[in-house]
Amino acid sequence: MKTVKISLNSIDKVKAFVNEITKFDSDFDLVSGRYVIDAKSIMGIFSLDLSKPIDLNVHAQDHLDAILAALAPYIVE
């Protein structure tokens, strides 16, 4: 599992993010405080506080480099 911080501070970013990660067969969780939701769920994402960066847990062994490359526009350092 790999954890990265991402920023989804607009509706368009959320839609593009979900479209991007649904291309992968792996599991993705977004963690905000004590809430953990499926990152492929648009409704779940909108239930979180999107004003600050959120932790994304990527549960993938294969294609991790491809996944991180696809998510690069959302990752914050």
C-alpha atoms as a PDB file:
ATOM      1  CA  MET A   1       0.000   0.000   0.000  1.00  0.00           C
ATOM      2  CA  LYS A   2       1.198   3.500  -0.835  1.00  0.00           C
ATOM      3  CA  THR A   3      -0.181   6.690   0.722  1.00  0.00           C
ATOM      4  CA  VAL A   4      -0.039  10.090  -0.993  1.00  0.00           C
ATOM      5  CA  LYS A   5      -1.649  13.449  -0.228  1.00  0.00           C
ATOM      6  CA  ILE A   6      -3.990  14.747  -2.909  1.00  0.00           C
ATOM      7  CA  SER A   7      -5.940  17.949  -3.420  1.00  0.00           C
ATOM      8  CA  LEU A   8      -9.477  17.862  -4.836  1.00  0.00           C
ATOM      9  CA  ASN A   9     -10.514  21.474  -4.356  1.00  0.00           C
ATOM     10  CA  SER A  10     -12.996  21.796  -7.241  1.00  0.00           C
ATOM     11  CA  ILE A  11     -15.904  19.846  -8.690  1.00  0.00           C
ATOM     12  CA  ASP A  12     -14.075  19.425 -12.008  1.00  0.00           C
ATOM     13  CA  LYS A  13     -11.020  18.013 -10.210  1.00  0.00           C
ATOM     14  CA  VAL A  14     -13.180  15.485  -8.355  1.00  0.00           C
ATOM     15  CA  LYS A  15     -14.870  14.322 -11.584  1.00  0.00           C
ATOM     16  CA  ALA A  16     -11.553  14.033 -13.437  1.00  0.00           C
ATOM     17  CA  PHE A  17      -9.951  12.222 -10.474  1.00  0.00           C
ATOM     18  CA  VAL A  18     -12.736   9.626 -10.267  1.00  0.00           C
ATOM     19  CA  ASN A  19     -12.639   9.104 -14.047  1.00  0.00           C
ATOM     20  CA  GLU A  20      -8.882   8.532 -13.830  1.00  0.00           C
ATOM     21  CA  ILE A  21      -8.853   6.020 -10.964  1.00  0.00           C
ATOM     22  CA  THR A  22     -11.789   3.976 -12.261  1.00  0.00           C
ATOM     23  CA  LYS A  23      -9.485   2.972 -15.137  1.00  0.00           C
ATOM     24  CA  PHE A  24      -7.452   0.944 -12.628  1.00  0.00           C
ATOM     25  CA  ASP A  25      -8.571  -2.344 -11.095  1.00  0.00           C
ATOM     26  CA  SER A  26      -6.956  -1.628  -7.707  1.00  0.00           C
ATOM     27  CA  ASP A  27      -8.657  -0.402  -4.539  1.00  0.00           C
ATOM     28  CA  PHE A  28      -8.306   3.224  -3.456  1.00  0.00           C
ATOM     29  CA  ASP A  29      -9.343   4.741  -0.106  1.00  0.00           C
ATOM     30  CA  LEU A  30      -9.543   8.407   0.835  1.00  0.00           C
ATOM     31  CA  VAL A  31      -8.838   9.154   4.493  1.00  0.00           C
ATOM     32  CA  SER A  32      -9.911  12.417   6.093  1.00  0.00           C
ATOM     33  CA  GLY A  33      -9.719  12.422   9.874  1.00  0.00           C
ATOM     34  CA  ARG A  34     -11.617   9.358  11.058  1.00  0.00           C
ATOM     35  CA  TYR A  35     -13.514   8.925   7.791  1.00  0.00           C
ATOM     36  CA  VAL A  36     -12.394   6.367   5.209  1.00  0.00           C
ATOM     37  CA  ILE A  37     -14.295   6.226   1.930  1.00  0.00           C
ATOM     38  CA  ASP A  38     -13.929   4.483  -1.418  1.00  0.00           C
ATOM     39  CA  ALA A  39     -12.077   6.898  -3.706  1.00  0.00           C
ATOM     40  CA  LYS A  40     -14.101   5.677  -6.704  1.00  0.00           C
ATOM     41  CA  SER A  41     -17.309   7.055  -5.139  1.00  0.00           C
ATOM     42  CA  ILE A  42     -18.116  10.614  -6.214  1.00  0.00           C
ATOM     43  CA  MET A  43     -20.818  10.915  -3.551  1.00  0.00           C
ATOM     44  CA  GLY A  44     -18.391   9.682  -0.909  1.00  0.00           C
ATOM     45  CA  ILE A  45     -15.760  12.212  -1.948  1.00  0.00           C
ATOM     46  CA  PHE A  46     -18.231  15.086  -1.722  1.00  0.00           C
ATOM     47  CA  SER A  47     -19.040  14.057   1.857  1.00  0.00           C
ATOM     48  CA  LEU A  48     -15.450  14.928   2.870  1.00  0.00           C
ATOM     49  CA  ASP A  49     -13.891  18.301   3.686  1.00  0.00           C
ATOM     50  CA  LEU A  50     -12.231  19.111   0.352  1.00  0.00           C
ATOM     51  CA  SER A  51     -10.765  22.448   1.483  1.00  0.00           C
ATOM     52  CA  LYS A  52      -7.517  20.754   2.551  1.00  0.00           C
ATOM     53  CA  PRO A  53      -5.425  17.883   1.163  1.00  0.00           C
ATOM     54  CA  ILE A  54      -6.651  14.327   1.792  1.00  0.00           C
ATOM     55  CA  ASP A  55      -4.678  11.084   2.192  1.00  0.00           C
ATOM     56  CA  LEU A  56      -5.131   8.606  -0.662  1.00  0.00           C
ATOM     57  CA  ASN A  57      -4.275   4.978   0.101  1.00  0.00           C
ATOM     58  CA  VAL A  58      -3.447   3.027  -3.053  1.00  0.00           C
ATOM     59  CA  HIS A  59      -3.824  -0.729  -2.514  1.00  0.00           C
ATOM     60  CA  ALA A  60      -1.818  -1.881  -5.533  1.00  0.00           C
ATOM     61  CA  GLN A  61       1.294  -3.937  -6.010  1.00  0.00           C
ATOM     62  CA  ASP A  62       1.341  -3.907  -9.815  1.00  0.00           C
ATOM     63  CA  HIS A  63       1.268  -0.812 -11.999  1.00  0.00           C
ATOM     64  CA  LEU A  64       1.989   1.487  -9.036  1.00  0.00           C
ATOM     65  CA  ASP A  65       4.187   3.731 -11.200  1.00  0.00           C
ATOM     66  CA  ALA A  66       1.437   4.044 -13.826  1.00  0.00           C
ATOM     67  CA  ILE A  67      -1.144   4.836 -11.150  1.00  0.00           C
ATOM     68  CA  LEU A  68       1.041   7.522  -9.554  1.00  0.00           C
ATOM     69  CA  ALA A  69       1.799   9.007 -12.977  1.00  0.00           C
ATOM     70  CA  ALA A  70      -1.935   9.215 -13.769  1.00  0.00           C
ATOM     71  CA  LEU A  71      -2.619  10.849 -10.391  1.00  0.00           C
ATOM     72  CA  ALA A  72       0.276  13.337 -10.611  1.00  0.00           C
ATOM     73  CA  PRO A  73      -1.977  16.374 -11.270  1.00  0.00           C
ATOM     74  CA  TYR A  74      -3.752  15.781  -7.928  1.00  0.00           C
ATOM     75  CA  ILE A  75      -0.777  14.902  -5.724  1.00  0.00           C
ATOM     76  CA  VAL A  76       0.528  17.602  -3.404  1.00  0.00           C
ATOM     77  CA  GLU A  77       3.933  17.422  -1.738  1.00  0.00           C
END
